[in-house]
Amino acid sequence: MDLGEFLFVLVYATTAIIYILFIILIIYVVAKAKLYDKAGDKGWAALIPFYSYFRFSKLAVGNYIPAIVYTSLWAVCLMMNITVRFMEDYPNAADILEIISDIGDVVLIGVTGFVSYYFGKAYGKSKLWNILMIFFNGIMIIIMGFNKNTQYVGPKGVPQAADLNNV
């Protein structure tokens, strides 16, 4: 196989992988929309990235605090990473910003894991399932979304009292 044939195969293989990932993304968004519907929330919220995370957080823990922390920290880390690229004249300051950004990334992973754990719990899933939600969030959401037996219990898995004002 010469270089031209190799590049031809590489381009088509890459294109196939991109199409497959796009199909998986569509399946994920549909499953997440179904989970929002099961909770009595707006299913279309799964289509809007940051708003979806706010709804995800609200369903999982009952408030928006993790979503606010996540979004704010994500923006700060992004700005630090961009700033580091322009600080060639100040290598020590750039290194410090890089370390702070890396710590922020670890906190982002922790917040995402926390919310994912409680999202599974909000649907009455077992502790093992919730731990798997931390590491395999996308796969677990697809399974939950298309499972007819999955029912929303309430934030953190605690059933909510009936709202007597809406009776």
Foldseek 3Di string as FASTA:
>chain_A
DDPVVVVVVVVVVVVVVVVVVVVLVVLLLLLLLLVCVLVVHHSCLSVDPLSSVQSLQCQQANHRVLSVLLVVLVVLLVVLVVVLVVPPVPVVVSVVSVVVSVVSVVVNLVSQLVSQLSSCLQQVDDNVLSNVCSVPVSVSSSVLSPDPPGHGQGHSNDHDDDDPVVD
